[in-house]
Amino acid sequence: MIGSGFIGCEAAASLAVRGADGVLVTGEDVPHVSRLGADVGKRLAGWLRDVGVELITGSPVSRIERSGDGWRVRREGSRRLSPMLAE
């Protein structure tokens, strides 16, 4: 998932509890910090990790690139995340 808004967090958690491996990438330091504050964001981050979501925080996505039959996500100032999405 890209983004730690309500939909991104819910989708990541829903997939994780169903056994899917997932990574949530966000530019925020903790999910929802800009909307709900740091305390709530830390609780949400803990909940997401508890259900099996890997969080990559503080690193905005700079672009999404096509790669063969899937996609790669590039973060600002960092390496690519690979593989990300299959069609």
N, C-alpha and C. Protein backbone atom coordinates (compact mmCIF):
# COMPACT_ATOMS: atom_id res chain seq x y z
N MET A 1 0.84 -1.16 0.00
CA MET A 1 0.00 0.00 0.00
C MET A 1 0.89 1.23 0.00
N ILE A 2 0.42 2.24 -0.68
CA ILE A 2 1.11 3.52 -0.66
C ILE A 2 0.19 4.51 0.02
N GLY A 3 0.67 5.08 1.10
CA GLY A 3 -0.10 6.06 1.85
C GLY A 3 -0.69 5.47 3.11
N SER A 4 -0.72 6.28 4.16
CA SER A 4 -1.20 5.81 5.45
C SER A 4 -2.48 6.51 5.87
N GLY A 5 -3.31 6.83 4.88
CA GLY A 5 -4.63 7.37 5.18
C GLY A 5 -5.55 6.26 5.64
N PHE A 6 -6.81 6.59 5.82
CA PHE A 6 -7.77 5.60 6.31
C PHE A 6 -7.86 4.39 5.39
N ILE A 7 -7.95 4.61 4.10
CA ILE A 7 -8.10 3.50 3.17
C ILE A 7 -6.83 2.66 3.09
N GLY A 8 -5.67 3.29 3.02
CA GLY A 8 -4.41 2.55 2.95
C GLY A 8 -4.19 1.67 4.17
N CYS A 9 -4.45 2.22 5.37
CA CYS A 9 -4.27 1.43 6.60
C CYS A 9 -5.27 0.28 6.66
N GLU A 10 -6.51 0.55 6.33
CA GLU A 10 -7.54 -0.48 6.37
C GLU A 10 -7.26 -1.58 5.36
N ALA A 11 -6.87 -1.22 4.15
CA ALA A 11 -6.57 -2.23 3.13
C ALA A 11 -5.37 -3.07 3.54
N ALA A 12 -4.32 -2.45 4.04
CA ALA A 12 -3.13 -3.19 4.46
C ALA A 12 -3.46 -4.17 5.58
N ALA A 13 -4.22 -3.70 6.57
CA ALA A 13 -4.59 -4.56 7.70
C ALA A 13 -5.50 -5.70 7.25
N SER A 14 -6.48 -5.40 6.41
CA SER A 14 -7.41 -6.42 5.92
C SER A 14 -6.69 -7.52 5.16
N LEU A 15 -5.75 -7.13 4.31
CA LEU A 15 -4.98 -8.12 3.55
C LEU A 15 -4.09 -8.95 4.48
N ALA A 16 -3.46 -8.29 5.44
CA ALA A 16 -2.55 -8.99 6.35
C ALA A 16 -3.28 -10.03 7.19
N VAL A 17 -4.46 -9.71 7.71
CA VAL A 17 -5.18 -10.68 8.53
C VAL A 17 -5.69 -11.85 7.70
N ARG A 18 -5.70 -11.70 6.39
CA ARG A 18 -6.09 -12.79 5.50
C ARG A 18 -4.88 -13.56 4.99
N GLY A 19 -3.69 -13.24 5.53
CA GLY A 19 -2.49 -13.99 5.19
C GLY A 19 -1.62 -13.43 4.10
N ALA A 20 -1.98 -12.29 3.53
CA ALA A 20 -1.17 -11.69 2.46
C ALA A 20 0.01 -10.94 3.08
N ASP A 21 1.18 -11.05 2.44
CA ASP A 21 2.33 -10.25 2.85
C ASP A 21 2.09 -8.83 2.35
N GLY A 22 2.36 -7.87 3.20
CA GLY A 22 2.12 -6.51 2.77
C GLY A 22 3.08 -5.52 3.38
N VAL A 23 3.29 -4.45 2.63
CA VAL A 23 4.13 -3.35 3.05
C VAL A 23 3.32 -2.08 2.85
N LEU A 24 3.34 -1.21 3.84
CA LEU A 24 2.69 0.09 3.73
C LEU A 24 3.80 1.14 3.73
N VAL A 25 3.84 1.95 2.69
CA VAL A 25 4.87 2.98 2.53
C VAL A 25 4.20 4.34 2.69
N THR A 26 4.79 5.18 3.54
CA THR A 26 4.21 6.51 3.77
C THR A 26 5.30 7.54 4.04
N GLY A 27 5.02 8.76 3.68
CA GLY A 27 5.91 9.86 3.99
C GLY A 27 5.78 10.33 5.43
N GLU A 28 4.70 9.92 6.10
CA GLU A 28 4.49 10.30 7.50
C GLU A 28 5.40 9.47 8.40
N ASP A 29 5.72 10.02 9.57
CA ASP A 29 6.55 9.27 10.53
C ASP A 29 5.76 8.14 11.18
N VAL A 30 4.48 8.33 11.39
CA VAL A 30 3.56 7.30 11.85
C VAL A 30 2.24 7.50 11.10
N PRO A 31 1.47 6.43 10.90
CA PRO A 31 0.20 6.58 10.18
C PRO A 31 -0.71 7.61 10.83
N HIS A 32 -1.36 8.39 10.02
CA HIS A 32 -2.38 9.37 10.44
C HIS A 32 -1.87 10.50 11.33
N VAL A 33 -0.57 10.68 11.44
CA VAL A 33 -0.06 11.71 12.35
C VAL A 33 -0.60 13.09 12.00
N SER A 34 -0.73 13.39 10.73
CA SER A 34 -1.20 14.73 10.34
C SER A 34 -2.70 14.90 10.59
N ARG A 35 -3.44 13.82 10.66
CA ARG A 35 -4.89 13.89 10.86
C ARG A 35 -5.30 13.67 12.31
N LEU A 36 -4.62 12.74 13.00
CA LEU A 36 -5.07 12.34 14.32
C LEU A 36 -4.05 12.54 15.44
N GLY A 37 -2.84 12.94 15.07
CA GLY A 37 -1.81 13.19 16.08
C GLY A 37 -0.89 12.01 16.30
N ALA A 38 0.22 12.28 16.98
CA ALA A 38 1.27 11.29 17.17
C ALA A 38 0.84 10.11 18.05
N ASP A 39 0.09 10.37 19.12
CA ASP A 39 -0.31 9.28 20.01
C ASP A 39 -1.17 8.25 19.29
N VAL A 40 -2.17 8.72 18.56
CA VAL A 40 -3.04 7.82 17.81
C VAL A 40 -2.24 7.14 16.70
N GLY A 41 -1.37 7.89 16.03
CA GLY A 41 -0.55 7.32 14.98
C GLY A 41 0.33 6.18 15.48
N LYS A 42 0.91 6.34 16.67
CA LYS A 42 1.74 5.27 17.24
C LYS A 42 0.91 4.04 17.57
N ARG A 43 -0.28 4.25 18.07
CA ARG A 43 -1.18 3.10 18.35
C ARG A 43 -1.54 2.38 17.06
N LEU A 44 -1.86 3.14 16.02
CA LEU A 44 -2.19 2.53 14.73
C LEU A 44 -0.99 1.77 14.16
N ALA A 45 0.19 2.34 14.27
CA ALA A 45 1.39 1.66 13.78
C ALA A 45 1.58 0.33 14.50
N GLY A 46 1.39 0.33 15.81
CA GLY A 46 1.51 -0.91 16.58
C GLY A 46 0.48 -1.93 16.16
N TRP A 47 -0.74 -1.49 15.96
CA TRP A 47 -1.81 -2.39 15.52
C TRP A 47 -1.49 -2.99 14.15
N LEU A 48 -1.02 -2.15 13.23
CA LEU A 48 -0.67 -2.64 11.90
C LEU A 48 0.46 -3.67 11.97
N ARG A 49 1.48 -3.38 12.75
CA ARG A 49 2.59 -4.34 12.89
C ARG A 49 2.10 -5.64 13.53
N ASP A 50 1.22 -5.52 14.52
CA ASP A 50 0.69 -6.70 15.20
C ASP A 50 -0.05 -7.65 14.26
N VAL A 51 -0.70 -7.11 13.25
CA VAL A 51 -1.42 -7.97 12.30
C VAL A 51 -0.54 -8.39 11.12
N GLY A 52 0.72 -7.94 11.10
CA GLY A 52 1.65 -8.41 10.09
C GLY A 52 2.00 -7.47 8.97
N VAL A 53 1.65 -6.20 9.10
CA VAL A 53 1.98 -5.22 8.07
C VAL A 53 3.37 -4.67 8.34
N GLU A 54 4.23 -4.68 7.32
CA GLU A 54 5.55 -4.03 7.42
C GLU A 54 5.34 -2.56 7.11
N LEU A 55 5.84 -1.68 7.97
CA LEU A 55 5.71 -0.24 7.76
C LEU A 55 7.05 0.34 7.33
N ILE A 56 7.01 1.14 6.27
CA ILE A 56 8.16 1.94 5.86
C ILE A 56 7.68 3.38 5.94
N THR A 57 8.16 4.10 6.95
CA THR A 57 7.66 5.44 7.24
C THR A 57 8.72 6.49 6.96
N GLY A 58 8.26 7.73 6.86
CA GLY A 58 9.17 8.85 6.68
C GLY A 58 9.87 8.87 5.34
N SER A 59 9.30 8.20 4.35
CA SER A 59 9.94 8.10 3.05
C SER A 59 8.89 8.16 1.95
N PRO A 60 8.58 9.36 1.46
CA PRO A 60 7.54 9.49 0.43
C PRO A 60 7.90 8.74 -0.86
N VAL A 61 6.90 8.29 -1.55
CA VAL A 61 7.07 7.63 -2.84
C VAL A 61 7.33 8.71 -3.89
N SER A 62 8.37 8.50 -4.69
CA SER A 62 8.67 9.49 -5.73
C SER A 62 8.10 9.08 -7.08
N ARG A 63 8.00 7.75 -7.31
CA ARG A 63 7.38 7.31 -8.56
C ARG A 63 7.09 5.82 -8.51
N ILE A 64 6.22 5.41 -9.42
CA ILE A 64 5.88 4.01 -9.63
C ILE A 64 6.27 3.68 -11.06
N GLU A 65 7.03 2.59 -11.25
CA GLU A 65 7.54 2.26 -12.57
C GLU A 65 7.06 0.87 -12.99
N ARG A 66 6.80 0.72 -14.26
CA ARG A 66 6.47 -0.59 -14.81
C ARG A 66 7.73 -1.42 -14.84
N SER A 67 7.60 -2.69 -14.49
CA SER A 67 8.74 -3.60 -14.49
C SER A 67 8.26 -4.98 -14.92
N GLY A 68 8.46 -5.29 -16.19
CA GLY A 68 8.01 -6.58 -16.70
C GLY A 68 6.50 -6.71 -16.58
N ASP A 69 6.07 -7.73 -15.85
CA ASP A 69 4.63 -7.93 -15.68
C ASP A 69 4.10 -7.35 -14.37
N GLY A 70 4.90 -6.54 -13.70
CA GLY A 70 4.48 -5.94 -12.42
C GLY A 70 4.88 -4.48 -12.32
N TRP A 71 5.08 -4.04 -11.11
CA TRP A 71 5.39 -2.64 -10.83
C TRP A 71 6.47 -2.56 -9.77
N ARG A 72 7.24 -1.48 -9.79
CA ARG A 72 8.22 -1.17 -8.75
C ARG A 72 7.90 0.21 -8.21
N VAL A 73 8.15 0.37 -6.93
CA VAL A 73 7.92 1.65 -6.27
C VAL A 73 9.27 2.23 -5.88
N ARG A 74 9.50 3.48 -6.25
CA ARG A 74 10.74 4.16 -5.86
C ARG A 74 10.40 5.20 -4.80
N ARG A 75 11.19 5.16 -3.72
CA ARG A 75 11.01 6.13 -2.64
C ARG A 75 12.03 7.25 -2.77
N GLU A 76 11.68 8.42 -2.27
CA GLU A 76 12.61 9.56 -2.31
C GLU A 76 13.88 9.21 -1.56
N GLY A 77 15.02 9.40 -2.22
CA GLY A 77 16.31 9.23 -1.56
C GLY A 77 16.60 7.82 -1.09
N SER A 78 16.01 6.83 -1.73
CA SER A 78 16.21 5.47 -1.24
C SER A 78 16.15 4.48 -2.40
N ARG A 79 16.32 3.24 -2.05
CA ARG A 79 16.28 2.18 -3.05
C ARG A 79 14.85 1.88 -3.48
N ARG A 80 14.75 1.12 -4.56
CA ARG A 80 13.44 0.66 -5.02
C ARG A 80 12.91 -0.40 -4.08
N LEU A 81 11.60 -0.49 -4.01
CA LEU A 81 10.94 -1.61 -3.36
C LEU A 81 10.54 -2.56 -4.47
N SER A 82 10.91 -3.80 -4.35
CA SER A 82 10.68 -4.71 -5.46
C SER A 82 10.45 -6.12 -4.95
N PRO A 83 9.61 -6.92 -5.54
CA PRO A 83 8.54 -6.48 -6.44
C PRO A 83 7.40 -5.91 -5.62
N MET A 84 6.58 -5.11 -6.22
CA MET A 84 5.45 -4.56 -5.48
C MET A 84 4.16 -5.17 -5.97
N LEU A 85 3.66 -4.73 -7.09
CA LEU A 85 2.33 -5.13 -7.52
C LEU A 85 2.40 -5.96 -8.79
N ALA A 86 1.71 -7.04 -8.80
CA ALA A 86 1.57 -7.81 -10.04
C ALA A 86 0.22 -7.46 -10.65
N GLU A 87 0.14 -7.56 -11.95
CA GLU A 87 -1.13 -7.24 -12.61
C GLU A 87 -2.12 -8.34 -12.39
